[in-house]
C-alpha cells in the first residue's frame, strides 16, 4: 500500500503589522506586540497599567499617520512577505516531489498570525515543522517570541512532529554578498556618499547585558559588509535606531550620530538597515524620511535610504539555500522511518 507523502509545514514568519493604517487597527496591533514580555520586560501588572493608560490612548493616532504615509495596497511588510513566500512556493516544491510541502507566510503579531495557524495545526497530521524567522540577526526580542509560540503549541500536542528552526543568518556569505551588491547597484545609479551608515533596530542595553547576542551579531554583519565593499573605517559606521522609553539602549544612536555628522561638516549619507528582510514602517518612514529631515537640519545636504533586500534575487536565493539545507536534513531523517 502506497503511503501518503510526508507533510512538511514551512513557516516564514516576520514581526507583524496592523491590518490597516488607522488608529483602531494600530491600537490592536500595539496592544498585542507591546504585551509580549520578550519585548518589554517591565513586570506585567505594572506595564499593563502603563500600556493601557498612557501608551495606547496616545500613540496609535501618530503611528497610524506614519503608516498611512508609507502604505501600499497593503502594509509593505505583508506585501513583501507574501511575495517572498510566492517565490518559494514556486521554486521549492519541484525540488522535493516526495514531500507534501506547505509554505506559509505568517506574522508574530497581527495577521496572518502564527498563533492562529498553530491553533489549527494538528501535530499528529504533520510530519515536520520548519520555522524560518525572517530576522537576519537573532534576538530574544524578535526571534525568541516565535520560539515561544511554537513551544506553547507543542505543550498541547500528544503526537509531536519533527521541529527545526533556522536561528538566523547574520554572517551567511550569500546574505553579506546580497547586501553589498545592493549598495553597489544603488551607488552605480546615485553616486557615492561621504558615509555609509548601517543602522539596525535597537534593543535596551540591559537586554544585551543579560546575554542577548543581537548587538554583536549586528556588528559582525556590518563589518562583513564593509569588508565585502572594500570600505575604509572612515567611510562607514554602525548605529541603532528606534528607541522606546527612558532606559539606555545599545549605542550609538542613529539620530544622534546623524546630528553629529551634519554639524561636523559631513555633507552626504547613504543609510541602510541590514536588520530587516522586508521594508516596513521603521525603514520607509523613520529611516528614509524622519532621519533625512534631522540630518539636513543639522547641516547635511544629501541623504538617501538604500532599500531592504525584499525580493532581490540574491536575497530569495539565500532563503532557498537556507531552507534547502534543512529540507535535505529532514528528508534524510524521515527516510529512516520508511
C-alpha atoms as a PDB file:
ATOM      1  CA  UNK A   1       0.000   0.000   0.000  1.00  0.00           C
ATOM      2  CA  UNK A   2       1.373   3.376  -1.022  1.00  0.00           C
ATOM      3  CA  UNK A   3       1.945   5.744   1.895  1.00  0.00           C
ATOM      4  CA  UNK A   4       0.990   9.412   1.792  1.00  0.00           C
ATOM      5  CA  UNK A   5       3.776  11.909   1.222  1.00  0.00           C
ATOM      6  CA  UNK A   6       5.282  13.330   4.429  1.00  0.00           C
ATOM      7  CA  UNK A   7       3.564  16.603   5.288  1.00  0.00           C
ATOM      8  CA  UNK A   8       6.075  19.393   5.831  1.00  0.00           C
ATOM      9  CA  UNK A   9       4.962  22.833   7.021  1.00  0.00           C
ATOM     10  CA  UNK A  10       7.442  25.630   6.340  1.00  0.00           C
ATOM     11  CA  UNK A  11       6.622  28.787   8.299  1.00  0.00           C
ATOM     12  CA  UNK A  12       8.093  32.066   7.032  1.00  0.00           C
ATOM     13  CA  UNK A  13       7.494  34.480   9.889  1.00  0.00           C
ATOM     14  CA  UNK A  14       8.158  38.202  10.174  1.00  0.00           C
ATOM     15  CA  UNK A  15       7.360  40.565  13.035  1.00  0.00           C
ATOM     16  CA  UNK A  16       3.936  41.968  12.216  1.00  0.00           C
ATOM     17  CA  UNK A  17       1.911  44.925  11.051  1.00  0.00           C
ATOM     18  CA  UNK A  18      -1.533  46.476  11.588  1.00  0.00           C
ATOM     19  CA  UNK A  19      -4.421  45.384   9.363  1.00  0.00           C
ATOM     20  CA  UNK A  20      -4.829  48.936   8.075  1.00  0.00           C
ATOM     21  CA  UNK A  21      -3.323  52.396   8.714  1.00  0.00           C
ATOM     22  CA  UNK A  22      -5.952  53.526  11.220  1.00  0.00           C
ATOM     23  CA  UNK A  23      -5.725  54.301  14.920  1.00  0.00           C
ATOM     24  CA  UNK A  24      -8.018  51.394  15.986  1.00  0.00           C
ATOM     25  CA  UNK A  25      -6.042  48.875  13.891  1.00  0.00           C
ATOM     26  CA  UNK A  26      -2.714  50.219  15.156  1.00  0.00           C
ATOM     27  CA  UNK A  27      -4.017  50.101  18.732  1.00  0.00           C
ATOM     28  CA  UNK A  28      -4.930  46.408  18.373  1.00  0.00           C
ATOM     29  CA  UNK A  29      -1.532  45.654  16.897  1.00  0.00           C
ATOM     30  CA  UNK A  30       0.456  47.602  19.500  1.00  0.00           C
ATOM     31  CA  UNK A  31      -1.517  46.036  22.340  1.00  0.00           C
ATOM     32  CA  UNK A  32      -0.527  42.556  21.158  1.00  0.00           C
ATOM     33  CA  UNK A  33       3.059  43.489  20.312  1.00  0.00           C
ATOM     34  CA  UNK A  34       3.843  45.512  23.429  1.00  0.00           C
ATOM     35  CA  UNK A  35       2.157  42.997  25.744  1.00  0.00           C
ATOM     36  CA  UNK A  36       4.842  40.432  24.913  1.00  0.00           C
ATOM     37  CA  UNK A  37       7.251  40.289  27.836  1.00  0.00           C
ATOM     38  CA  UNK A  38      10.044  39.391  25.450  1.00  0.00           C
ATOM     39  CA  UNK A  39       9.635  42.914  24.053  1.00  0.00           C
ATOM     40  CA  UNK A  40       9.010  44.832  27.289  1.00  0.00           C
ATOM     41  CA  UNK A  41      10.448  43.254  30.448  1.00  0.00           C
ATOM     42  CA  UNK A  42       8.752  45.537  32.968  1.00  0.00           C
ATOM     43  CA  UNK A  43       6.688  43.460  35.474  1.00  0.00           C
ATOM     44  CA  UNK A  44       3.468  42.522  33.701  1.00  0.00           C
ATOM     45  CA  UNK A  45       0.939  44.166  36.041  1.00  0.00           C
ATOM     46  CA  UNK A  46       2.836  47.458  36.154  1.00  0.00           C
ATOM     47  CA  UNK A  47       3.432  47.502  32.406  1.00  0.00           C
ATOM     48  CA  UNK A  48      -0.189  46.766  31.540  1.00  0.00           C
ATOM     49  CA  UNK A  49      -1.265  49.795  33.578  1.00  0.00           C
ATOM     50  CA  UNK A  50       1.266  51.986  31.736  1.00  0.00           C
ATOM     51  CA  UNK A  51       0.345  50.471  28.364  1.00  0.00           C
ATOM     52  CA  UNK A  52      -3.415  50.885  28.747  1.00  0.00           C
ATOM     53  CA  UNK A  53      -3.443  54.265  30.490  1.00  0.00           C
ATOM     54  CA  UNK A  54      -0.617  56.090  28.741  1.00  0.00           C
ATOM     55  CA  UNK A  55       0.694  54.341  25.616  1.00  0.00           C
ATOM     56  CA  UNK A  56      -2.426  53.068  23.835  1.00  0.00           C
ATOM     57  CA  UNK A  57      -4.527  56.214  24.333  1.00  0.00           C
ATOM     58  CA  UNK A  58      -1.811  58.425  22.793  1.00  0.00           C
ATOM     59  CA  UNK A  59       0.490  56.534  20.449  1.00  0.00           C
ATOM     60  CA  UNK A  60      -1.820  54.830  17.869  1.00  0.00           C
ATOM     61  CA  UNK A  61      -3.028  58.027  16.169  1.00  0.00           C
ATOM     62  CA  UNK A  62       0.507  59.251  15.480  1.00  0.00           C
ATOM     63  CA  UNK A  63       1.693  55.793  14.407  1.00  0.00           C
ATOM     64  CA  UNK A  64      -1.345  55.359  12.137  1.00  0.00           C
ATOM     65  CA  UNK A  65      -0.493  58.614  10.369  1.00  0.00           C
ATOM     66  CA  UNK A  66       3.042  57.352   9.820  1.00  0.00           C
ATOM     67  CA  UNK A  67       1.723  54.052   8.438  1.00  0.00           C
ATOM     68  CA  UNK A  68      -0.640  55.929   6.105  1.00  0.00           C
ATOM     69  CA  UNK A  69       2.326  57.818   4.658  1.00  0.00           C
ATOM     70  CA  UNK A  70       4.103  54.603   3.590  1.00  0.00           C
ATOM     71  CA  UNK A  71       1.126  52.271   2.950  1.00  0.00           C
ATOM     72  CA  UNK A  72       0.948  50.467  -0.389  1.00  0.00           C
ATOM     73  CA  UNK A  73      -2.110  48.448  -1.424  1.00  0.00           C
ATOM     74  CA  UNK A  74      -1.426  46.687   1.856  1.00  0.00           C
ATOM     75  CA  UNK A  75       1.249  47.030   4.514  1.00  0.00           C
ATOM     76  CA  UNK A  76       4.674  46.925   2.783  1.00  0.00           C
ATOM     77  CA  UNK A  77       5.946  44.248   5.162  1.00  0.00           C
ATOM     78  CA  UNK A  78       2.954  41.985   4.481  1.00  0.00           C
ATOM     79  CA  UNK A  79       3.076  42.519   0.713  1.00  0.00           C
ATOM     80  CA  UNK A  80       6.786  41.713   0.607  1.00  0.00           C
ATOM     81  CA  UNK A  81       6.376  38.666   2.865  1.00  0.00           C
ATOM     82  CA  UNK A  82       3.672  37.274   0.569  1.00  0.00           C
ATOM     83  CA  UNK A  83       5.863  37.890  -2.488  1.00  0.00           C
ATOM     84  CA  UNK A  84       8.797  36.124  -0.809  1.00  0.00           C
ATOM     85  CA  UNK A  85       6.555  33.173   0.036  1.00  0.00           C
ATOM     86  CA  UNK A  86       5.149  33.051  -3.515  1.00  0.00           C
ATOM     87  CA  UNK A  87       8.663  32.736  -4.921  1.00  0.00           C
ATOM     88  CA  UNK A  88       9.447  29.841  -2.588  1.00  0.00           C
ATOM     89  CA  UNK A  89       6.116  28.158  -3.328  1.00  0.00           C
ATOM     90  CA  UNK A  90       7.134  28.058  -6.991  1.00  0.00           C
ATOM     91  CA  UNK A  91      10.771  27.075  -6.528  1.00  0.00           C
ATOM     92  CA  UNK A  92      10.848  24.635  -3.599  1.00  0.00           C
ATOM     93  CA  UNK A  93       8.108  22.029  -4.225  1.00  0.00           C
ATOM     94  CA  UNK A  94       9.648  20.929  -7.529  1.00  0.00           C
ATOM     95  CA  UNK A  95      12.898  20.189  -5.640  1.00  0.00           C
ATOM     96  CA  UNK A  96      11.040  17.957  -3.177  1.00  0.00           C
ATOM     97  CA  UNK A  97       8.374  15.961  -5.030  1.00  0.00           C
ATOM     98  CA  UNK A  98       8.483  13.377  -2.240  1.00  0.00           C
ATOM     99  CA  UNK A  99       7.025  15.904   0.227  1.00  0.00           C
ATOM    100  CA  UNK A 100       3.595  17.416   0.667  1.00  0.00           C
ATOM    101  CA  UNK A 101       5.169  20.841   1.192  1.00  0.00           C
ATOM    102  CA  UNK A 102       3.114  23.706   2.616  1.00  0.00           C
ATOM    103  CA  UNK A 103       4.853  27.112   2.712  1.00  0.00           C
ATOM    104  CA  UNK A 104       3.017  29.591   4.927  1.00  0.00           C
ATOM    105  CA  UNK A 105       3.784  33.335   5.379  1.00  0.00           C
ATOM    106  CA  UNK A 106       2.909  34.481   8.899  1.00  0.00           C
ATOM    107  CA  UNK A 107       3.424  37.230  11.474  1.00  0.00           C
ATOM    108  CA  UNK A 108       4.308  37.005  15.149  1.00  0.00           C
ATOM    109  CA  UNK A 109       1.809  39.800  15.835  1.00  0.00           C
ATOM    110  CA  UNK A 110      -1.153  40.824  13.716  1.00  0.00           C
ATOM    111  CA  UNK A 111      -2.389  38.959  10.649  1.00  0.00           C
ATOM    112  CA  UNK A 112      -1.888  36.412   9.249  1.00  0.00           C
ATOM    113  CA  UNK A 113      -0.925  35.276  12.729  1.00  0.00           C
ATOM    114  CA  UNK A 114       1.371  32.419  13.651  1.00  0.00           C
ATOM    115  CA  UNK A 115      -0.709  31.756  16.765  1.00  0.00           C
ATOM    116  CA  UNK A 116      -3.862  31.233  14.663  1.00  0.00           C
ATOM    117  CA  UNK A 117      -2.138  28.843  12.261  1.00  0.00           C
ATOM    118  CA  UNK A 118      -0.718  26.748  15.076  1.00  0.00           C
ATOM    119  CA  UNK A 119      -4.141  26.592  16.760  1.00  0.00           C
ATOM    120  CA  UNK A 120      -5.474  24.869  13.638  1.00  0.00           C
ATOM    121  CA  UNK A 121      -2.437  22.649  13.096  1.00  0.00           C
ATOM    122  CA  UNK A 122      -2.797  19.050  14.264  1.00  0.00           C
ATOM    123  CA  UNK A 123       0.593  17.714  15.279  1.00  0.00           C
ATOM    124  CA  UNK A 124      -0.448  14.128  14.583  1.00  0.00           C
ATOM    125  CA  UNK A 125      -1.206  15.022  10.939  1.00  0.00           C
ATOM    126  CA  UNK A 126       2.059  16.893  10.336  1.00  0.00           C
ATOM    127  CA  UNK A 127       5.391  15.135   9.927  1.00  0.00           C
ATOM    128  CA  UNK A 128       7.671  18.141  10.336  1.00  0.00           C
ATOM    129  CA  UNK A 129       7.532  21.892  11.019  1.00  0.00           C
ATOM    130  CA  UNK A 130      10.357  24.082   9.751  1.00  0.00           C
ATOM    131  CA  UNK A 131      10.259  27.568  11.244  1.00  0.00           C
ATOM    132  CA  UNK A 132      12.152  30.323   9.446  1.00  0.00           C
ATOM    133  CA  UNK A 133      12.148  33.613  11.438  1.00  0.00           C
ATOM    134  CA  UNK A 134      12.937  36.323   8.896  1.00  0.00           C
ATOM    135  CA  UNK A 135      15.375  38.175  11.141  1.00  0.00           C
ATOM    136  CA  UNK A 136      18.991  38.077   9.949  1.00  0.00           C
ATOM    137  CA  UNK A 137      20.291  38.605  13.496  1.00  0.00           C
ATOM    138  CA  UNK A 138      18.811  36.547  16.340  1.00  0.00           C
ATOM    139  CA  UNK A 139      17.407  38.496  19.282  1.00  0.00           C
ATOM    140  CA  UNK A 140      15.339  37.482  22.291  1.00  0.00           C
ATOM    141  CA  UNK A 141      13.091  40.442  21.431  1.00  0.00           C
ATOM    142  CA  UNK A 142      12.227  39.319  17.889  1.00  0.00           C
ATOM    143  CA  UNK A 143      13.181  35.718  17.107  1.00  0.00           C
ATOM    144  CA  UNK A 144      12.501  34.220  20.533  1.00  0.00           C
ATOM    145  CA  UNK A 145       8.771  35.109  20.556  1.00  0.00           C
ATOM    146  CA  UNK A 146       8.346  32.771  17.579  1.00  0.00           C
ATOM    147  CA  UNK A 147      10.108  30.018  19.529  1.00  0.00           C
ATOM    148  CA  UNK A 148       7.700  30.755  22.385  1.00  0.00           C
ATOM    149  CA  UNK A 149       4.614  30.378  20.188  1.00  0.00           C
ATOM    150  CA  UNK A 150       5.875  27.078  18.816  1.00  0.00           C
ATOM    151  CA  UNK A 151       6.782  25.821  22.298  1.00  0.00           C
ATOM    152  CA  UNK A 152       3.342  26.685  23.718  1.00  0.00           C
ATOM    153  CA  UNK A 153       1.723  24.827  20.811  1.00  0.00           C
ATOM    154  CA  UNK A 154       3.998  21.811  21.349  1.00  0.00           C
ATOM    155  CA  UNK A 155       2.948  21.547  25.006  1.00  0.00           C
ATOM    156  CA  UNK A 156      -0.603  20.788  23.864  1.00  0.00           C
ATOM    157  CA  UNK A 157       0.313  18.085  21.329  1.00  0.00           C
ATOM    158  CA  UNK A 158       0.146  14.397  22.168  1.00  0.00           C
ATOM    159  CA  UNK A 159       1.879  13.279  18.964  1.00  0.00           C
ATOM    160  CA  UNK A 160       4.563  15.820  18.101  1.00  0.00           C
ATOM    161  CA  UNK A 161       6.028  16.207  14.613  1.00  0.00           C
ATOM    162  CA  UNK A 162       9.677  16.888  13.989  1.00  0.00           C
ATOM    163  CA  UNK A 163      10.552  20.536  14.564  1.00  0.00           C
ATOM    164  CA  UNK A 164      13.516  22.510  13.264  1.00  0.00           C
ATOM    165  CA  UNK A 165      14.307  26.226  13.280  1.00  0.00           C
ATOM    166  CA  UNK A 166      16.596  28.406  11.203  1.00  0.00           C
ATOM    167  CA  UNK A 167      18.001  30.534  14.026  1.00  0.00           C
ATOM    168  CA  UNK A 168      19.480  33.347  11.910  1.00  0.00           C
ATOM    169  CA  UNK A 169      21.875  34.073   9.062  1.00  0.00           C
ATOM    170  CA  UNK A 170      23.746  37.218  10.099  1.00  0.00           C
ATOM    171  CA  UNK A 171      27.062  36.182   8.535  1.00  0.00           C
ATOM    172  CA  UNK A 172      25.980  33.861   5.744  1.00  0.00           C
ATOM    173  CA  UNK A 173      28.092  34.632   2.655  1.00  0.00           C
ATOM    174  CA  UNK A 174      25.040  34.953   0.386  1.00  0.00           C
ATOM    175  CA  UNK A 175      23.429  37.420   2.779  1.00  0.00           C
ATOM    176  CA  UNK A 176      26.582  39.553   3.035  1.00  0.00           C
ATOM    177  CA  UNK A 177      27.049  39.472  -0.733  1.00  0.00           C
ATOM    178  CA  UNK A 178      23.407  40.426  -1.358  1.00  0.00           C
ATOM    179  CA  UNK A 179      23.712  43.441   0.964  1.00  0.00           C
ATOM    180  CA  UNK A 180      26.970  44.559  -0.623  1.00  0.00           C
ATOM    181  CA  UNK A 181      25.564  44.188  -4.140  1.00  0.00           C
ATOM    182  CA  UNK A 182      22.523  46.280  -3.183  1.00  0.00           C
ATOM    183  CA  UNK A 183      24.879  49.083  -2.137  1.00  0.00           C
ATOM    184  CA  UNK A 184      26.900  48.775  -5.334  1.00  0.00           C
ATOM    185  CA  UNK A 185      23.772  48.946  -7.506  1.00  0.00           C
ATOM    186  CA  UNK A 186      22.455  51.948  -5.599  1.00  0.00           C
ATOM    187  CA  UNK A 187      25.767  53.790  -5.867  1.00  0.00           C
ATOM    188  CA  UNK A 188      26.084  52.970  -9.570  1.00  0.00           C
ATOM    189  CA  UNK A 189      22.824  54.857 -10.092  1.00  0.00           C
ATOM    190  CA  UNK A 190      23.050  57.608  -7.449  1.00  0.00           C
ATOM    191  CA  UNK A 191      26.753  58.090  -6.780  1.00  0.00           C
ATOM    192  CA  UNK A 192      28.744  57.520  -3.583  1.00  0.00           C
ATOM    193  CA  UNK A 193      28.113  59.410  -0.344  1.00  0.00           C
ATOM    194  CA  UNK A 194      30.661  60.594   2.221  1.00  0.00           C
ATOM    195  CA  UNK A 195      29.394  57.945   4.630  1.00  0.00           C
ATOM    196  CA  UNK A 196      27.565  54.632   4.505  1.00  0.00           C
ATOM    197  CA  UNK A 197      25.578  54.145   7.714  1.00  0.00           C
ATOM    198  CA  UNK A 198      24.325  50.668   8.596  1.00  0.00           C
ATOM    199  CA  UNK A 199      21.525  51.266  11.062  1.00  0.00           C
ATOM    200  CA  UNK A 200      19.968  48.361  12.960  1.00  0.00           C
ATOM    201  CA  UNK A 201      16.866  48.218  15.112  1.00  0.00           C
ATOM    202  CA  UNK A 202      17.961  48.839  18.690  1.00  0.00           C
ATOM    203  CA  UNK A 203      17.350  46.913  21.908  1.00  0.00           C
ATOM    204  CA  UNK A 204      17.679  48.111  25.510  1.00  0.00           C
ATOM    205  CA  UNK A 205      21.241  47.894  26.798  1.00  0.00           C
ATOM    206  CA  UNK A 206      20.165  45.780  29.822  1.00  0.00           C
ATOM    207  CA  UNK A 207      18.900  43.109  27.409  1.00  0.00           C
ATOM    208  CA  UNK A 208      22.364  42.910  25.857  1.00  0.00           C
ATOM    209  CA  UNK A 209      23.968  42.915  29.309  1.00  0.00           C
ATOM    210  CA  UNK A 210      21.857  39.865  30.209  1.00  0.00           C
ATOM    211  CA  UNK A 211      23.158  37.930  27.216  1.00  0.00           C
ATOM    212  CA  UNK A 212      21.154  38.860  24.121  1.00  0.00           C
ATOM    213  CA  UNK A 213      23.674  38.319  21.264  1.00  0.00           C
ATOM    214  CA  UNK A 214      21.881  40.679  18.880  1.00  0.00           C
ATOM    215  CA  UNK A 215      24.190  43.747  19.082  1.00  0.00           C
ATOM    216  CA  UNK A 216      27.301  41.682  18.412  1.00  0.00           C
ATOM    217  CA  UNK A 217      25.596  39.910  15.521  1.00  0.00           C
ATOM    218  CA  UNK A 218      24.728  43.316  14.047  1.00  0.00           C
ATOM    219  CA  UNK A 219      28.318  44.480  14.408  1.00  0.00           C
ATOM    220  CA  UNK A 220      29.551  41.314  12.704  1.00  0.00           C
ATOM    221  CA  UNK A 221      27.140  41.834   9.806  1.00  0.00           C
ATOM    222  CA  UNK A 222      28.200  45.456   9.374  1.00  0.00           C
ATOM    223  CA  UNK A 223      31.914  44.633   9.428  1.00  0.00           C
ATOM    224  CA  UNK A 224      31.495  41.854   6.873  1.00  0.00           C
ATOM    225  CA  UNK A 225      29.504  44.102   4.532  1.00  0.00           C
ATOM    226  CA  UNK A 226      32.132  46.843   4.832  1.00  0.00           C
ATOM    227  CA  UNK A 227      34.846  44.289   4.042  1.00  0.00           C
ATOM    228  CA  UNK A 228      32.889  42.976   1.047  1.00  0.00           C
ATOM    229  CA  UNK A 229      32.604  46.560  -0.247  1.00  0.00           C
ATOM    230  CA  UNK A 230      36.276  47.307   0.448  1.00  0.00           C
ATOM    231  CA  UNK A 231      35.428  50.319   2.630  1.00  0.00           C
ATOM    232  CA  UNK A 232      37.876  52.111   4.886  1.00  0.00           C
ATOM    233  CA  UNK A 233      36.881  52.661   8.538  1.00  0.00           C
ATOM    234  CA  UNK A 234      36.304  56.366   7.840  1.00  0.00           C
ATOM    235  CA  UNK A 235      33.775  55.544   5.106  1.00  0.00           C
ATOM    236  CA  UNK A 236      31.155  53.665   7.126  1.00  0.00           C
ATOM    237  CA  UNK A 237      29.622  53.307  10.587  1.00  0.00           C
ATOM    238  CA  UNK A 238      27.077  51.244  12.512  1.00  0.00           C
ATOM    239  CA  UNK A 239      24.247  52.619  14.639  1.00  0.00           C
ATOM    240  CA  UNK A 240      20.972  51.595  16.307  1.00  0.00           C
ATOM    241  CA  UNK A 241      17.552  53.173  15.834  1.00  0.00           C
ATOM    242  CA  UNK A 242      14.009  53.186  17.271  1.00  0.00           C
ATOM    243  CA  UNK A 243      14.457  53.769  20.980  1.00  0.00           C
ATOM    244  CA  UNK A 244      11.333  53.439  23.104  1.00  0.00           C
ATOM    245  CA  UNK A 245      11.005  54.529  26.735  1.00  0.00           C
ATOM    246  CA  UNK A 246      13.513  56.172  29.041  1.00  0.00           C
ATOM    247  CA  UNK A 247      16.093  53.423  29.604  1.00  0.00           C
ATOM    248  CA  UNK A 248      19.516  53.209  27.988  1.00  0.00           C
ATOM    249  CA  UNK A 249      19.585  51.412  24.628  1.00  0.00           C
ATOM    250  CA  UNK A 250      22.500  49.992  22.656  1.00  0.00           C
ATOM    251  CA  UNK A 251      24.657  52.798  21.234  1.00  0.00           C
ATOM    252  CA  UNK A 252      25.490  54.662  19.093  1.00  0.00           C
ATOM    253  CA  UNK A 253      22.013  56.021  18.382  1.00  0.00           C
ATOM    254  CA  UNK A 254      21.232  56.628  14.711  1.00  0.00           C
ATOM    255  CA  UNK A 255      19.581  60.024  15.218  1.00  0.00           C
ATOM    256  CA  UNK A 256      22.387  61.345  17.431  1.00  0.00           C
ATOM    257  CA  UNK A 257      25.108  60.120  15.058  1.00  0.00           C
ATOM    258  CA  UNK A 258      23.415  61.762  12.063  1.00  0.00           C
ATOM    259  CA  UNK A 259      23.051  65.003  14.019  1.00  0.00           C
ATOM    260  CA  UNK A 260      26.741  64.861  14.933  1.00  0.00           C
ATOM    261  CA  UNK A 261      27.735  64.209  11.318  1.00  0.00           C
ATOM    262  CA  UNK A 262      25.597  67.044   9.994  1.00  0.00           C
ATOM    263  CA  UNK A 263      27.096  69.505  12.451  1.00  0.00           C
ATOM    264  CA  UNK A 264      30.656  68.326  11.772  1.00  0.00           C
ATOM    265  CA  UNK A 265      30.501  69.077   8.052  1.00  0.00           C
ATOM    266  CA  UNK A 266      29.666  65.675   6.570  1.00  0.00           C
ATOM    267  CA  UNK A 267      27.505  66.534   3.574  1.00  0.00           C
ATOM    268  CA  UNK A 268      26.179  63.235   2.256  1.00  0.00           C
ATOM    269  CA  UNK A 269      24.971  59.983   3.812  1.00  0.00           C
ATOM    270  CA  UNK A 270      23.545  56.776   2.424  1.00  0.00           C
ATOM    271  CA  UNK A 271      21.796  54.627   5.010  1.00  0.00           C
ATOM    272  CA  UNK A 272      20.650  51.016   5.009  1.00  0.00           C
ATOM    273  CA  UNK A 273      19.214  48.668   7.617  1.00  0.00           C
ATOM    274  CA  UNK A 274      20.544  45.101   7.343  1.00  0.00           C
ATOM    275  CA  UNK A 275      18.326  44.052  10.262  1.00  0.00           C
ATOM    276  CA  UNK A 276      15.245  43.894   8.018  1.00  0.00           C
ATOM    277  CA  UNK A 277      14.326  41.258   5.440  1.00  0.00           C
ATOM    278  CA  UNK A 278      11.438  43.485   4.289  1.00  0.00           C
ATOM    279  CA  UNK A 279      10.860  47.209   4.210  1.00  0.00           C
ATOM    280  CA  UNK A 280       8.372  48.449   6.777  1.00  0.00           C
ATOM    281  CA  UNK A 281       7.352  51.499   8.788  1.00  0.00           C
ATOM    282  CA  UNK A 282      10.704  51.657  10.510  1.00  0.00           C
ATOM    283  CA  UNK A 283      12.707  51.759   7.296  1.00  0.00           C
ATOM    284  CA  UNK A 284      10.358  53.649   4.967  1.00  0.00           C
ATOM    285  CA  UNK A 285       9.306  56.358   7.413  1.00  0.00           C
ATOM    286  CA  UNK A 286      11.792  56.559  10.294  1.00  0.00           C
ATOM    287  CA  UNK A 287      14.988  55.928   8.338  1.00  0.00           C
ATOM    288  CA  UNK A 288      14.050  57.235   4.899  1.00  0.00           C
ATOM    289  CA  UNK A 289      12.068  60.342   5.910  1.00  0.00           C
ATOM    290  CA  UNK A 290      12.398  61.318   9.569  1.00  0.00           C
ATOM    291  CA  UNK A 291      16.148  60.852   9.791  1.00  0.00           C
ATOM    292  CA  UNK A 292      16.676  62.578   6.452  1.00  0.00           C
ATOM    293  CA  UNK A 293      14.987  65.687   7.819  1.00  0.00           C
ATOM    294  CA  UNK A 294      17.059  65.569  11.002  1.00  0.00           C
ATOM    295  CA  UNK A 295      20.343  65.169   9.124  1.00  0.00           C
ATOM    296  CA  UNK A 296      19.588  68.111   6.843  1.00  0.00           C
ATOM    297  CA  UNK A 297      18.533  70.317   9.762  1.00  0.00           C
ATOM    298  CA  UNK A 298      21.925  69.589  11.326  1.00  0.00           C
ATOM    299  CA  UNK A 299      23.738  70.811   8.194  1.00  0.00           C
ATOM    300  CA  UNK A 300      23.812  67.776   5.929  1.00  0.00           C
ATOM    301  CA  UNK A 301      22.919  68.176   2.267  1.00  0.00           C
ATOM    302  CA  UNK A 302      22.291  64.764   0.711  1.00  0.00           C
ATOM    303  CA  UNK A 303      20.652  61.777   2.385  1.00  0.00           C
ATOM    304  CA  UNK A 304      19.420  58.575   0.729  1.00  0.00           C
ATOM    305  CA  UNK A 305      17.926  55.334   2.005  1.00  0.00           C
ATOM    306  CA  UNK A 306      19.067  52.088   0.363  1.00  0.00           C
ATOM    307  CA  UNK A 307      16.055  49.718   0.386  1.00  0.00           C
ATOM    308  CA  UNK A 308      15.972  46.431   2.262  1.00  0.00           C
ATOM    309  CA  UNK A 309      16.675  43.302   0.237  1.00  0.00           C
ATOM    310  CA  UNK A 310      12.959  42.474  -0.030  1.00  0.00           C
ATOM    311  CA  UNK A 311      12.508  40.335  -3.192  1.00  0.00           C
ATOM    312  CA  UNK A 312      16.028  40.895  -4.511  1.00  0.00           C
ATOM    313  CA  UNK A 313      17.095  37.819  -6.498  1.00  0.00           C
ATOM    314  CA  UNK A 314      20.145  37.109  -4.323  1.00  0.00           C
ATOM    315  CA  UNK A 315      18.002  37.505  -1.200  1.00  0.00           C
ATOM    316  CA  UNK A 316      15.468  34.954  -2.416  1.00  0.00           C
ATOM    317  CA  UNK A 317      18.311  32.628  -3.425  1.00  0.00           C
ATOM    318  CA  UNK A 318      19.609  32.915   0.142  1.00  0.00           C
ATOM    319  CA  UNK A 319      16.182  31.948   1.511  1.00  0.00           C
ATOM    320  CA  UNK A 320      16.021  28.965  -0.816  1.00  0.00           C
ATOM    321  CA  UNK A 321      19.562  27.910   0.118  1.00  0.00           C
ATOM    322  CA  UNK A 322      18.830  28.034   3.851  1.00  0.00           C
ATOM    323  CA  UNK A 323      15.555  26.145   3.504  1.00  0.00           C
ATOM    324  CA  UNK A 324      17.044  23.557   1.142  1.00  0.00           C
ATOM    325  CA  UNK A 325      19.763  22.672   3.655  1.00  0.00           C
ATOM    326  CA  UNK A 326      17.131  21.980   6.311  1.00  0.00           C
ATOM    327  CA  UNK A 327      14.728  20.176   3.985  1.00  0.00           C
ATOM    328  CA  UNK A 328      17.562  17.910   2.854  1.00  0.00           C
ATOM    329  CA  UNK A 329      18.229  17.047   6.504  1.00  0.00           C
ATOM    330  CA  UNK A 330      14.516  16.393   7.076  1.00  0.00           C
ATOM    331  CA  UNK A 331      14.464  14.084   4.043  1.00  0.00           C
ATOM    332  CA  UNK A 332      17.346  12.038   5.467  1.00  0.00           C
ATOM    333  CA  UNK A 333      15.673  11.857   8.888  1.00  0.00           C
ATOM    334  CA  UNK A 334      12.270  10.783   7.551  1.00  0.00           C
ATOM    335  CA  UNK A 335      13.868   8.178   5.289  1.00  0.00           C
ATOM    336  CA  UNK A 336      14.912   6.258   8.424  1.00  0.00           C
ATOM    337  CA  UNK A 337      11.278   5.552   9.230  1.00  0.00           C
ATOM    338  CA  UNK A 338      10.126   4.325   5.819  1.00  0.00           C
END
